[in-house]
Amino acid sequence: MTRLVGVELSRFFARILLWCVAVGLLAVSGLVVVEAWRSSSPPSAADIATAQGYYEENLAYWQDNHEKDEADCLEQLQAAKDAGDDTTGWTCEMPAPSLQDFLGSNATFAEAGQGKLGALAIPLVLGPSLMAVSFIAAEFATGAISNWLTFAPRRNRVYVSKILAAILGVVPVVLVSTAVAAVGIWLAYRSHGTIGDLGPDGYRPYVDTALRLVALGVGFAAGAGALAFLLRHTAAVLGAVIGWAVVWEGVVGNAVSGMQPYTLTLNILAWAQGGASYYVEECTRDAAGMVQCSGVEQVLHMTQAGWQLAGVVVALVLVAWVVFRRRDVA
């Protein structure tokens, strides 16, 4: 088995397309780092000058009008109280504006680091999946699988070796892409002095996010390889994925809010980000018989998302194994 896997890995790394996908995935990681650098950068001189202009205008207005505006507000507040209206949270305090109000403030690494790194989730699903599909489907498209079975007639060994090669083949690019993004994002914030308060857990949640991304890329490579065994052609796999995305992820997921937790997109985001929110529409009928609907926030937890994604991958691998054992490869 080890020798078979070694041969399959040699064939994997000999495919030019897979190297192109790997380079593209690394480029995406670089773009994530660039975005982190941009969003963590301090305001430029032009931004400060623009904010200074708005600040001076608003300060002048406040100095001339804040006493009158506060008096008008207090009158309206009293009138509302006299009318029996709910005035909870109503305040008439109008503090002087500050320059920081117009400059804004960038989120720190502690606040935004995991979200920036989580943006790599979808590329880490698509890139390794495409590599695995292209590697295995080419065997069927060229007829090489038939010749290979004459040298290695045990289909179980052939199947396992190819799936393992697809998994092991994507591991380097998944690890490097994740490491480039994770370290690059941290360096961007560190260089601008915006790490922020990491709390008692320190960098552990950030590292956990990176590890989950690695597992995501490797797991989807296994599932995509199994799908290639089932459909045999890269075009057929792409067609099936697009159909799934349109029908289930798009139409059903949006039309039936209760089905959102069972869409791959939401599960991927929940796994990468440690949880994801979605909204379920709930309708009630008031005393007048009118139907009122509102969105109620629900949370898809990371653990549930992980089990569901793992279930999809395992199911694909098992079904593809059974089909490959029984179906003619010609």
C-alpha atoms as a PDB file:
ATOM      1  CA  MET A   1       0.000   0.000   0.000  1.00  0.00           C
ATOM      2  CA  THR A   2       2.816   2.413   0.852  1.00  0.00           C
ATOM      3  CA  ARG A   3       4.409   1.910  -2.557  1.00  0.00           C
ATOM      4  CA  LEU A   4       1.066   2.458  -4.289  1.00  0.00           C
ATOM      5  CA  VAL A   5       0.533   5.709  -2.404  1.00  0.00           C
ATOM      6  CA  GLY A   6       4.061   6.799  -3.294  1.00  0.00           C
ATOM      7  CA  VAL A   7       3.414   6.183  -6.991  1.00  0.00           C
ATOM      8  CA  GLU A   8       0.115   8.056  -6.829  1.00  0.00           C
ATOM      9  CA  LEU A   9       1.792  11.005  -5.115  1.00  0.00           C
ATOM     10  CA  SER A  10       4.399  11.138  -7.865  1.00  0.00           C
ATOM     11  CA  ARG A  11       1.626  11.325 -10.436  1.00  0.00           C
ATOM     12  CA  PHE A  12      -0.185  13.925  -8.349  1.00  0.00           C
ATOM     13  CA  PHE A  13       2.766  16.298  -8.224  1.00  0.00           C
ATOM     14  CA  ALA A  14       3.488  15.776 -11.928  1.00  0.00           C
ATOM     15  CA  ARG A  15       0.258  17.530 -12.969  1.00  0.00           C
ATOM     16  CA  ILE A  16       0.839  21.156 -14.008  1.00  0.00           C
ATOM     17  CA  LEU A  17      -2.772  22.172 -13.315  1.00  0.00           C
ATOM     18  CA  LEU A  18      -2.403  21.245  -9.662  1.00  0.00           C
ATOM     19  CA  TRP A  19       0.659  23.444  -9.313  1.00  0.00           C
ATOM     20  CA  CYS A  20      -1.282  26.322 -10.887  1.00  0.00           C
ATOM     21  CA  VAL A  21      -4.107  25.874  -8.381  1.00  0.00           C
ATOM     22  CA  ALA A  22      -1.581  25.773  -5.549  1.00  0.00           C
ATOM     23  CA  VAL A  23      -0.005  29.046  -6.703  1.00  0.00           C
ATOM     24  CA  GLY A  24      -3.462  30.604  -6.962  1.00  0.00           C
ATOM     25  CA  LEU A  25      -4.292  29.520  -3.427  1.00  0.00           C
ATOM     26  CA  LEU A  26      -1.084  31.061  -2.134  1.00  0.00           C
ATOM     27  CA  ALA A  27      -1.952  34.266  -4.005  1.00  0.00           C
ATOM     28  CA  VAL A  28      -5.324  34.357  -2.238  1.00  0.00           C
ATOM     29  CA  SER A  29      -3.540  34.015   1.105  1.00  0.00           C
ATOM     30  CA  GLY A  30      -1.387  36.959   0.126  1.00  0.00           C
ATOM     31  CA  LEU A  31      -4.477  39.034  -0.675  1.00  0.00           C
ATOM     32  CA  VAL A  32      -5.900  38.214   2.759  1.00  0.00           C
ATOM     33  CA  VAL A  33      -2.696  39.530   4.329  1.00  0.00           C
ATOM     34  CA  VAL A  34      -2.821  42.681   2.195  1.00  0.00           C
ATOM     35  CA  GLU A  35      -6.386  43.329   3.336  1.00  0.00           C
ATOM     36  CA  ALA A  36      -5.345  42.842   6.960  1.00  0.00           C
ATOM     37  CA  TRP A  37      -2.491  45.321   6.449  1.00  0.00           C
ATOM     38  CA  ARG A  38      -4.829  47.868   4.880  1.00  0.00           C
ATOM     39  CA  SER A  39      -7.529  47.580   7.519  1.00  0.00           C
ATOM     40  CA  SER A  40      -5.051  47.777  10.408  1.00  0.00           C
ATOM     41  CA  SER A  41      -3.132  50.766   9.026  1.00  0.00           C
ATOM     42  CA  PRO A  42      -3.400  54.117  10.830  1.00  0.00           C
ATOM     43  CA  PRO A  43      -5.220  56.931   8.989  1.00  0.00           C
ATOM     44  CA  SER A  44      -3.251  58.718   6.294  1.00  0.00           C
ATOM     45  CA  ALA A  45      -2.459  62.432   6.262  1.00  0.00           C
ATOM     46  CA  ALA A  46      -5.283  62.977   3.763  1.00  0.00           C
ATOM     47  CA  ASP A  47      -7.747  61.129   5.997  1.00  0.00           C
ATOM     48  CA  ILE A  48      -6.690  63.183   8.998  1.00  0.00           C
ATOM     49  CA  ALA A  49      -7.029  66.432   7.040  1.00  0.00           C
ATOM     50  CA  THR A  50     -10.531  65.494   5.863  1.00  0.00           C
ATOM     51  CA  ALA A  51     -11.583  64.458   9.358  1.00  0.00           C
ATOM     52  CA  GLN A  52     -10.148  67.699  10.772  1.00  0.00           C
ATOM     53  CA  GLY A  53     -12.325  69.711   8.417  1.00  0.00           C
ATOM     54  CA  TYR A  54     -15.510  67.867   9.438  1.00  0.00           C
ATOM     55  CA  TYR A  55     -14.524  68.146  13.089  1.00  0.00           C
ATOM     56  CA  GLU A  56     -14.058  71.909  12.964  1.00  0.00           C
ATOM     57  CA  GLU A  57     -17.395  72.403  11.175  1.00  0.00           C
ATOM     58  CA  ASN A  58     -19.282  70.308  13.701  1.00  0.00           C
ATOM     59  CA  LEU A  59     -17.496  71.890  16.657  1.00  0.00           C
ATOM     60  CA  ALA A  60     -18.464  75.355  15.447  1.00  0.00           C
ATOM     61  CA  TYR A  61     -22.086  74.271  15.089  1.00  0.00           C
ATOM     62  CA  TRP A  62     -22.061  72.662  18.540  1.00  0.00           C
ATOM     63  CA  GLN A  63     -20.662  75.794  20.175  1.00  0.00           C
ATOM     64  CA  ASP A  64     -23.378  77.946  18.609  1.00  0.00           C
ATOM     65  CA  ASN A  65     -26.376  75.645  18.976  1.00  0.00           C
ATOM     66  CA  HIS A  66     -25.923  72.925  21.591  1.00  0.00           C
ATOM     67  CA  GLU A  67     -27.650  74.851  24.415  1.00  0.00           C
ATOM     68  CA  LYS A  68     -30.723  75.548  22.287  1.00  0.00           C
ATOM     69  CA  ASP A  69     -30.783  71.974  20.938  1.00  0.00           C
ATOM     70  CA  GLU A  70     -30.591  70.540  24.455  1.00  0.00           C
ATOM     71  CA  ALA A  71     -33.403  72.815  25.643  1.00  0.00           C
ATOM     72  CA  ASP A  72     -35.603  71.757  22.709  1.00  0.00           C
ATOM     73  CA  CYS A  73     -34.832  68.128  23.431  1.00  0.00           C
ATOM     74  CA  LEU A  74     -35.776  68.481  27.086  1.00  0.00           C
ATOM     75  CA  GLU A  75     -39.100  70.058  26.123  1.00  0.00           C
ATOM     76  CA  GLN A  76     -39.856  67.173  23.756  1.00  0.00           C
ATOM     77  CA  LEU A  77     -38.842  64.671  26.432  1.00  0.00           C
ATOM     78  CA  GLN A  78     -41.166  66.241  28.964  1.00  0.00           C
ATOM     79  CA  ALA A  79     -44.020  66.317  26.454  1.00  0.00           C
ATOM     80  CA  ALA A  80     -43.491  62.632  25.740  1.00  0.00           C
ATOM     81  CA  LYS A  81     -43.550  61.813  29.459  1.00  0.00           C
ATOM     82  CA  ASP A  82     -46.736  63.841  29.931  1.00  0.00           C
ATOM     83  CA  ALA A  83     -48.339  61.876  27.094  1.00  0.00           C
ATOM     84  CA  GLY A  84     -47.398  58.602  28.777  1.00  0.00           C
ATOM     85  CA  ASP A  85     -44.923  57.556  26.094  1.00  0.00           C
ATOM     86  CA  ASP A  86     -42.031  55.253  26.872  1.00  0.00           C
ATOM     87  CA  THR A  87     -38.901  57.428  27.121  1.00  0.00           C
ATOM     88  CA  THR A  88     -36.466  54.690  28.128  1.00  0.00           C
ATOM     89  CA  GLY A  89     -33.067  55.396  26.637  1.00  0.00           C
ATOM     90  CA  TRP A  90     -34.001  58.943  25.621  1.00  0.00           C
ATOM     91  CA  THR A  91     -31.176  61.324  26.444  1.00  0.00           C
ATOM     92  CA  CYS A  92     -30.651  64.986  25.726  1.00  0.00           C
ATOM     93  CA  GLU A  93     -26.957  65.149  26.509  1.00  0.00           C
ATOM     94  CA  MET A  94     -25.027  66.543  23.552  1.00  0.00           C
ATOM     95  CA  PRO A  95     -21.300  66.318  24.274  1.00  0.00           C
ATOM     96  CA  ALA A  96     -18.810  68.262  22.216  1.00  0.00           C
ATOM     97  CA  PRO A  97     -17.554  66.415  19.129  1.00  0.00           C
ATOM     98  CA  SER A  98     -13.987  65.155  19.039  1.00  0.00           C
ATOM     99  CA  LEU A  99     -11.585  64.553  16.194  1.00  0.00           C
ATOM    100  CA  GLN A 100     -11.680  60.809  16.900  1.00  0.00           C
ATOM    101  CA  ASP A 101     -15.409  60.780  16.087  1.00  0.00           C
ATOM    102  CA  PHE A 102     -14.548  61.544  12.460  1.00  0.00           C
ATOM    103  CA  LEU A 103     -11.393  59.470  12.211  1.00  0.00           C
ATOM    104  CA  GLY A 104     -13.000  56.310  13.501  1.00  0.00           C
ATOM    105  CA  SER A 105     -10.953  53.455  14.859  1.00  0.00           C
ATOM    106  CA  ASN A 106      -9.728  50.255  13.274  1.00  0.00           C
ATOM    107  CA  ALA A 107     -10.559  46.941  14.893  1.00  0.00           C
ATOM    108  CA  THR A 108      -7.660  45.322  16.717  1.00  0.00           C
ATOM    109  CA  PHE A 109      -6.204  41.899  16.028  1.00  0.00           C
ATOM    110  CA  ALA A 110      -8.011  40.578  19.098  1.00  0.00           C
ATOM    111  CA  GLU A 111     -11.319  41.752  17.607  1.00  0.00           C
ATOM    112  CA  ALA A 112     -10.842  41.010  13.920  1.00  0.00           C
ATOM    113  CA  GLY A 113      -7.954  38.552  13.554  1.00  0.00           C
ATOM    114  CA  GLN A 114     -10.052  35.384  13.536  1.00  0.00           C
ATOM    115  CA  GLY A 115     -12.524  36.892  11.094  1.00  0.00           C
ATOM    116  CA  LYS A 116      -9.732  37.882   8.706  1.00  0.00           C
ATOM    117  CA  LEU A 117      -8.254  34.399   8.840  1.00  0.00           C
ATOM    118  CA  GLY A 118     -11.699  32.813   8.449  1.00  0.00           C
ATOM    119  CA  ALA A 119     -12.022  34.546   5.067  1.00  0.00           C
ATOM    120  CA  LEU A 120      -9.682  31.846   3.769  1.00  0.00           C
ATOM    121  CA  ALA A 121     -12.293  29.122   4.398  1.00  0.00           C
ATOM    122  CA  ILE A 122     -13.983  29.123   0.982  1.00  0.00           C
ATOM    123  CA  PRO A 123     -10.699  29.238  -1.000  1.00  0.00           C
ATOM    124  CA  LEU A 124      -9.400  26.366   1.133  1.00  0.00           C
ATOM    125  CA  VAL A 125     -12.489  24.380   0.189  1.00  0.00           C
ATOM    126  CA  LEU A 126     -12.421  25.158  -3.529  1.00  0.00           C
ATOM    127  CA  GLY A 127      -8.677  24.912  -4.185  1.00  0.00           C
ATOM    128  CA  PRO A 128      -7.924  21.487  -2.642  1.00  0.00           C
ATOM    129  CA  SER A 129     -11.241  20.127  -3.961  1.00  0.00           C
ATOM    130  CA  LEU A 130     -10.356  21.146  -7.505  1.00  0.00           C
ATOM    131  CA  MET A 131      -6.911  19.579  -7.140  1.00  0.00           C
ATOM    132  CA  ALA A 132      -8.345  16.271  -5.910  1.00  0.00           C
ATOM    133  CA  VAL A 133     -11.069  16.148  -8.561  1.00  0.00           C
ATOM    134  CA  SER A 134      -8.685  16.954 -11.400  1.00  0.00           C
ATOM    135  CA  PHE A 135      -6.191  14.328 -10.233  1.00  0.00           C
ATOM    136  CA  ILE A 136      -8.675  11.444  -9.976  1.00  0.00           C
ATOM    137  CA  ALA A 137     -11.077  12.334 -12.789  1.00  0.00           C
ATOM    138  CA  ALA A 138      -8.188  12.479 -15.254  1.00  0.00           C
ATOM    139  CA  GLU A 139      -7.573   8.766 -14.616  1.00  0.00           C
ATOM    140  CA  PHE A 140     -11.055   7.966 -15.901  1.00  0.00           C
ATOM    141  CA  ALA A 141     -11.088  10.546 -18.712  1.00  0.00           C
ATOM    142  CA  THR A 142      -7.865   9.192 -20.221  1.00  0.00           C
ATOM    143  CA  GLY A 143      -8.628   5.528 -19.555  1.00  0.00           C
ATOM    144  CA  ALA A 144      -5.507   5.221 -17.403  1.00  0.00           C
ATOM    145  CA  ILE A 145      -7.539   3.675 -14.598  1.00  0.00           C
ATOM    146  CA  SER A 146      -8.226   0.565 -16.726  1.00  0.00           C
ATOM    147  CA  ASN A 147      -4.536   0.087 -17.440  1.00  0.00           C
ATOM    148  CA  TRP A 148      -3.673   0.692 -13.814  1.00  0.00           C
ATOM    149  CA  LEU A 149      -6.079  -2.015 -12.655  1.00  0.00           C
ATOM    150  CA  THR A 150      -4.248  -4.552 -14.793  1.00  0.00           C
ATOM    151  CA  PHE A 151      -1.133  -3.916 -12.694  1.00  0.00           C
ATOM    152  CA  ALA A 152      -2.973  -3.446  -9.387  1.00  0.00           C
ATOM    153  CA  PRO A 153      -6.178  -5.480  -9.712  1.00  0.00           C
ATOM    154  CA  ARG A 154      -7.248  -5.078  -6.092  1.00  0.00           C
ATOM    155  CA  ARG A 155      -9.712  -2.239  -6.313  1.00  0.00           C
ATOM    156  CA  ASN A 156      -9.761  -1.566  -2.590  1.00  0.00           C
ATOM    157  CA  ARG A 157      -6.043  -0.828  -2.620  1.00  0.00           C
ATOM    158  CA  VAL A 158      -6.334   1.313  -5.734  1.00  0.00           C
ATOM    159  CA  TYR A 159      -9.210   3.309  -4.293  1.00  0.00           C
ATOM    160  CA  VAL A 160      -7.583   3.880  -0.913  1.00  0.00           C
ATOM    161  CA  SER A 161      -4.219   4.778  -2.461  1.00  0.00           C
ATOM    162  CA  LYS A 162      -5.750   7.395  -4.754  1.00  0.00           C
ATOM    163  CA  ILE A 163      -7.851   8.974  -2.004  1.00  0.00           C
ATOM    164  CA  LEU A 164      -4.824   9.037   0.303  1.00  0.00           C
ATOM    165  CA  ALA A 165      -2.704  10.570  -2.457  1.00  0.00           C
ATOM    166  CA  ALA A 166      -5.341  13.264  -3.008  1.00  0.00           C
ATOM    167  CA  ILE A 167      -5.354  14.024   0.724  1.00  0.00           C
ATOM    168  CA  LEU A 168      -1.588  13.969   1.197  1.00  0.00           C
ATOM    169  CA  GLY A 169      -1.051  15.889  -2.029  1.00  0.00           C
ATOM    170  CA  VAL A 170      -3.028  18.902  -0.866  1.00  0.00           C
ATOM    171  CA  VAL A 171      -1.591  18.941   2.664  1.00  0.00           C
ATOM    172  CA  PRO A 172       1.513  21.027   1.783  1.00  0.00           C
ATOM    173  CA  VAL A 173      -0.385  23.789  -0.001  1.00  0.00           C
ATOM    174  CA  VAL A 174      -3.113  23.854   2.645  1.00  0.00           C
ATOM    175  CA  LEU A 175      -0.532  24.138   5.429  1.00  0.00           C
ATOM    176  CA  VAL A 176       1.540  26.772   3.652  1.00  0.00           C
ATOM    177  CA  SER A 177      -1.480  28.847   2.585  1.00  0.00           C
ATOM    178  CA  THR A 178      -2.918  28.816   6.081  1.00  0.00           C
ATOM    179  CA  ALA A 179       0.454  29.615   7.656  1.00  0.00           C
ATOM    180  CA  VAL A 180       1.073  32.506   5.243  1.00  0.00           C
ATOM    181  CA  ALA A 181      -2.320  34.020   6.021  1.00  0.00           C
ATOM    182  CA  ALA A 182      -2.163  33.399   9.776  1.00  0.00           C
ATOM    183  CA  VAL A 183       1.359  34.750  10.276  1.00  0.00           C
ATOM    184  CA  GLY A 184       0.857  37.576   7.774  1.00  0.00           C
ATOM    185  CA  ILE A 185      -2.312  38.822   9.459  1.00  0.00           C
ATOM    186  CA  TRP A 186      -0.603  38.772  12.855  1.00  0.00           C
ATOM    187  CA  LEU A 187       2.445  40.630  11.520  1.00  0.00           C
ATOM    188  CA  ALA A 188       0.220  43.267   9.888  1.00  0.00           C
ATOM    189  CA  TYR A 189      -1.501  44.094  13.165  1.00  0.00           C
ATOM    190  CA  ARG A 190       1.683  43.788  15.195  1.00  0.00           C
ATOM    191  CA  SER A 191       3.569  46.194  12.937  1.00  0.00           C
ATOM    192  CA  HIS A 192       0.834  48.794  13.447  1.00  0.00           C
ATOM    193  CA  GLY A 193       0.665  48.195  17.199  1.00  0.00           C
ATOM    194  CA  THR A 194      -2.965  47.115  17.119  1.00  0.00           C
ATOM    195  CA  ILE A 195      -2.878  43.654  18.658  1.00  0.00           C
ATOM    196  CA  GLY A 196      -5.306  44.675  21.426  1.00  0.00           C
ATOM    197  CA  ASP A 197      -6.376  42.720  24.486  1.00  0.00           C
ATOM    198  CA  LEU A 198      -6.254  39.010  23.694  1.00  0.00           C
ATOM    199  CA  GLY A 199      -7.931  38.004  26.947  1.00  0.00           C
ATOM    200  CA  PRO A 200      -7.095  35.012  29.115  1.00  0.00           C
ATOM    201  CA  ASP A 201      -6.949  32.544  26.201  1.00  0.00           C
ATOM    202  CA  GLY A 202      -4.276  34.509  24.355  1.00  0.00           C
ATOM    203  CA  TYR A 203      -3.606  33.263  20.837  1.00  0.00           C
ATOM    204  CA  ARG A 204      -5.278  29.898  21.337  1.00  0.00           C
ATOM    205  CA  PRO A 205      -8.579  30.771  19.546  1.00  0.00           C
ATOM    206  CA  TYR A 206      -6.577  32.133  16.608  1.00  0.00           C
ATOM    207  CA  VAL A 207      -4.445  28.991  16.389  1.00  0.00           C
ATOM    208  CA  ASP A 208      -7.569  26.834  16.697  1.00  0.00           C
ATOM    209  CA  THR A 209      -9.082  28.688  13.738  1.00  0.00           C
ATOM    210  CA  ALA A 210      -5.970  27.978  11.662  1.00  0.00           C
ATOM    211  CA  LEU A 211      -6.096  24.272  12.562  1.00  0.00           C
ATOM    212  CA  ARG A 212      -9.777  24.063  11.652  1.00  0.00           C
ATOM    213  CA  LEU A 213      -8.997  25.619   8.269  1.00  0.00           C
ATOM    214  CA  VAL A 214      -6.356  22.973   7.628  1.00  0.00           C
ATOM    215  CA  ALA A 215      -8.829  20.231   8.538  1.00  0.00           C
ATOM    216  CA  LEU A 216     -11.413  21.856   6.262  1.00  0.00           C
ATOM    217  CA  GLY A 217      -9.130  21.868   3.226  1.00  0.00           C
ATOM    218  CA  VAL A 218      -7.921  18.307   3.744  1.00  0.00           C
ATOM    219  CA  GLY A 219     -11.404  16.972   4.471  1.00  0.00           C
ATOM    220  CA  PHE A 220     -12.950  18.503   1.377  1.00  0.00           C
ATOM    221  CA  ALA A 221     -10.109  17.117  -0.745  1.00  0.00           C
ATOM    222  CA  ALA A 222     -11.129  13.628   0.406  1.00  0.00           C
ATOM    223  CA  GLY A 223     -14.795  14.298  -0.340  1.00  0.00           C
ATOM    224  CA  ALA A 224     -14.020  15.816  -3.730  1.00  0.00           C
ATOM    225  CA  GLY A 225     -11.818  12.862  -4.637  1.00  0.00           C
ATOM    226  CA  ALA A 226     -14.654  10.489  -3.792  1.00  0.00           C
ATOM    227  CA  LEU A 227     -17.038  12.565  -5.895  1.00  0.00           C
ATOM    228  CA  ALA A 228     -14.599  12.275  -8.803  1.00  0.00           C
ATOM    229  CA  PHE A 229     -14.732   8.466  -8.451  1.00  0.00           C
ATOM    230  CA  LEU A 230     -18.504   8.651  -8.659  1.00  0.00           C
ATOM    231  CA  LEU A 231     -18.850  11.030 -11.624  1.00  0.00           C
ATOM    232  CA  ARG A 232     -15.538  10.262 -13.382  1.00  0.00           C
ATOM    233  CA  HIS A 233     -15.192  13.603 -15.193  1.00  0.00           C
ATOM    234  CA  THR A 234     -14.129  17.001 -13.888  1.00  0.00           C
ATOM    235  CA  ALA A 235     -16.876  18.692 -15.917  1.00  0.00           C
ATOM    236  CA  ALA A 236     -19.494  16.379 -14.410  1.00  0.00           C
ATOM    237  CA  VAL A 237     -18.274  17.158 -10.899  1.00  0.00           C
ATOM    238  CA  LEU A 238     -18.334  20.895 -11.582  1.00  0.00           C
ATOM    239  CA  GLY A 239     -21.839  20.590 -13.011  1.00  0.00           C
ATOM    240  CA  ALA A 240     -23.034  18.691  -9.952  1.00  0.00           C
ATOM    241  CA  VAL A 241     -21.479  21.259  -7.604  1.00  0.00           C
ATOM    242  CA  ILE A 242     -23.005  24.175  -9.503  1.00  0.00           C
ATOM    243  CA  GLY A 243     -26.397  22.467  -9.518  1.00  0.00           C
ATOM    244  CA  TRP A 244     -26.160  21.853  -5.779  1.00  0.00           C
ATOM    245  CA  ALA A 245     -25.143  25.465  -5.175  1.00  0.00           C
ATOM    246  CA  VAL A 246     -28.049  26.832  -7.209  1.00  0.00           C
ATOM    247  CA  VAL A 247     -30.800  24.482  -6.045  1.00  0.00           C
ATOM    248  CA  TRP A 248     -29.938  23.694  -2.434  1.00  0.00           C
ATOM    249  CA  GLU A 249     -27.628  26.482  -1.283  1.00  0.00           C
ATOM    250  CA  GLY A 250     -29.436  29.196  -3.220  1.00  0.00           C
ATOM    251  CA  VAL A 251     -33.098  28.367  -3.734  1.00  0.00           C
ATOM    252  CA  VAL A 252     -33.921  25.984  -0.885  1.00  0.00           C
ATOM    253  CA  GLY A 253     -31.583  27.582   1.652  1.00  0.00           C
ATOM    254  CA  ASN A 254     -33.031  31.039   1.058  1.00  0.00           C
ATOM    255  CA  ALA A 255     -36.655  30.039   0.575  1.00  0.00           C
ATOM    256  CA  VAL A 256     -36.851  27.760   3.627  1.00  0.00           C
ATOM    257  CA  SER A 257     -35.046  29.475   6.488  1.00  0.00           C
ATOM    258  CA  GLY A 258     -35.126  26.353   8.627  1.00  0.00           C
ATOM    259  CA  MET A 259     -32.929  24.559   6.081  1.00  0.00           C
ATOM    260  CA  GLN A 260     -30.035  27.001   6.404  1.00  0.00           C
ATOM    261  CA  PRO A 261     -28.217  24.897   9.049  1.00  0.00           C
ATOM    262  CA  TYR A 262     -28.025  22.104   6.475  1.00  0.00           C
ATOM    263  CA  THR A 263     -26.338  24.124   3.738  1.00  0.00           C
ATOM    264  CA  LEU A 264     -22.652  23.609   3.126  1.00  0.00           C
ATOM    265  CA  THR A 265     -21.950  27.335   3.005  1.00  0.00           C
ATOM    266  CA  LEU A 266     -23.245  28.043   6.494  1.00  0.00           C
ATOM    267  CA  ASN A 267     -21.598  24.923   7.890  1.00  0.00           C
ATOM    268  CA  ILE A 268     -18.246  25.916   6.408  1.00  0.00           C
ATOM    269  CA  LEU A 269     -18.503  29.398   7.911  1.00  0.00           C
ATOM    270  CA  ALA A 270     -19.598  28.031  11.287  1.00  0.00           C
ATOM    271  CA  TRP A 271     -16.700  25.577  11.372  1.00  0.00           C
ATOM    272  CA  ALA A 272     -14.126  28.170  10.331  1.00  0.00           C
ATOM    273  CA  GLN A 273     -15.378  30.995  12.561  1.00  0.00           C
ATOM    274  CA  GLY A 274     -16.369  28.975  15.616  1.00  0.00           C
ATOM    275  CA  GLY A 275     -20.101  29.446  14.983  1.00  0.00           C
ATOM    276  CA  ALA A 276     -22.402  31.333  12.619  1.00  0.00           C
ATOM    277  CA  SER A 277     -25.706  33.135  12.964  1.00  0.00           C
ATOM    278  CA  TYR A 278     -28.732  32.778  10.737  1.00  0.00           C
ATOM    279  CA  TYR A 279     -32.318  34.003  10.942  1.00  0.00           C
ATOM    280  CA  VAL A 280     -35.540  32.044  11.021  1.00  0.00           C
ATOM    281  CA  GLU A 281     -38.766  33.856  10.226  1.00  0.00           C
ATOM    282  CA  GLU A 282     -41.415  33.474  12.911  1.00  0.00           C
ATOM    283  CA  CYS A 283     -44.938  34.794  12.398  1.00  0.00           C
ATOM    284  CA  THR A 284     -47.605  35.552  14.977  1.00  0.00           C
ATOM    285  CA  ARG A 285     -51.181  36.779  14.730  1.00  0.00           C
ATOM    286  CA  ASP A 286     -52.164  39.790  16.852  1.00  0.00           C
ATOM    287  CA  ALA A 287     -55.534  40.513  18.446  1.00  0.00           C
ATOM    288  CA  ALA A 288     -56.763  42.213  15.291  1.00  0.00           C
ATOM    289  CA  GLY A 289     -55.991  39.143  13.221  1.00  0.00           C
ATOM    290  CA  MET A 290     -53.008  40.700  11.446  1.00  0.00           C
ATOM    291  CA  VAL A 291     -50.009  38.454  10.806  1.00  0.00           C
ATOM    292  CA  GLN A 292     -46.689  39.901  11.894  1.00  0.00           C
ATOM    293  CA  CYS A 293     -43.406  38.235  10.967  1.00  0.00           C
ATOM    294  CA  SER A 294     -39.922  38.880  12.236  1.00  0.00           C
ATOM    295  CA  GLY A 295     -36.521  37.259  11.926  1.00  0.00           C
ATOM    296  CA  VAL A 296     -35.288  35.424  14.998  1.00  0.00           C
ATOM    297  CA  GLU A 297     -31.542  34.925  15.269  1.00  0.00           C
ATOM    298  CA  GLN A 298     -30.337  31.344  15.580  1.00  0.00           C
ATOM    299  CA  VAL A 299     -26.798  30.048  15.992  1.00  0.00           C
ATOM    300  CA  LEU A 300     -25.189  27.109  14.226  1.00  0.00           C
ATOM    301  CA  HIS A 301     -22.491  25.941  16.609  1.00  0.00           C
ATOM    302  CA  MET A 302     -19.050  24.885  15.478  1.00  0.00           C
ATOM    303  CA  THR A 303     -19.407  21.351  16.818  1.00  0.00           C
ATOM    304  CA  GLN A 304     -22.643  20.693  14.951  1.00  0.00           C
ATOM    305  CA  ALA A 305     -21.161  22.115  11.764  1.00  0.00           C
ATOM    306  CA  GLY A 306     -18.075  19.935  12.135  1.00  0.00           C
ATOM    307  CA  TRP A 307     -20.071  16.743  12.570  1.00  0.00           C
ATOM    308  CA  GLN A 308     -22.307  17.573   9.608  1.00  0.00           C
ATOM    309  CA  LEU A 309     -19.367  18.328   7.319  1.00  0.00           C
ATOM    310  CA  ALA A 310     -17.581  15.176   8.455  1.00  0.00           C
ATOM    311  CA  GLY A 311     -20.742  13.176   7.792  1.00  0.00           C
ATOM    312  CA  VAL A 312     -20.932  14.475   4.220  1.00  0.00           C
ATOM    313  CA  VAL A 313     -17.292  13.600   3.533  1.00  0.00           C
ATOM    314  CA  VAL A 314     -17.515  10.127   5.086  1.00  0.00           C
ATOM    315  CA  ALA A 315     -20.735   9.371   3.191  1.00  0.00           C
ATOM    316  CA  LEU A 316     -19.158  10.372  -0.133  1.00  0.00           C
ATOM    317  CA  VAL A 317     -16.037   8.300   0.527  1.00  0.00           C
ATOM    318  CA  LEU A 318     -18.045   5.193   1.467  1.00  0.00           C
ATOM    319  CA  VAL A 319     -20.513   5.457  -1.413  1.00  0.00           C
ATOM    320  CA  ALA A 320     -17.716   6.042  -3.926  1.00  0.00           C
ATOM    321  CA  TRP A 321     -15.833   3.015  -2.541  1.00  0.00           C
ATOM    322  CA  VAL A 322     -18.878   0.735  -2.947  1.00  0.00           C
ATOM    323  CA  VAL A 323     -19.575   2.016  -6.458  1.00  0.00           C
ATOM    324  CA  PHE A 324     -15.958   1.696  -7.572  1.00  0.00           C
ATOM    325  CA  ARG A 325     -15.790  -1.904  -6.369  1.00  0.00           C
ATOM    326  CA  ARG A 326     -18.868  -2.909  -8.366  1.00  0.00           C
ATOM    327  CA  ARG A 327     -18.993  -0.696 -11.445  1.00  0.00           C
ATOM    328  CA  ASP A 328     -17.180  -1.254 -14.712  1.00  0.00           C
ATOM    329  CA  VAL A 329     -14.444   1.346 -15.181  1.00  0.00           C
ATOM    330  CA  ALA A 330     -14.502   1.264 -18.983  1.00  0.00           C
END
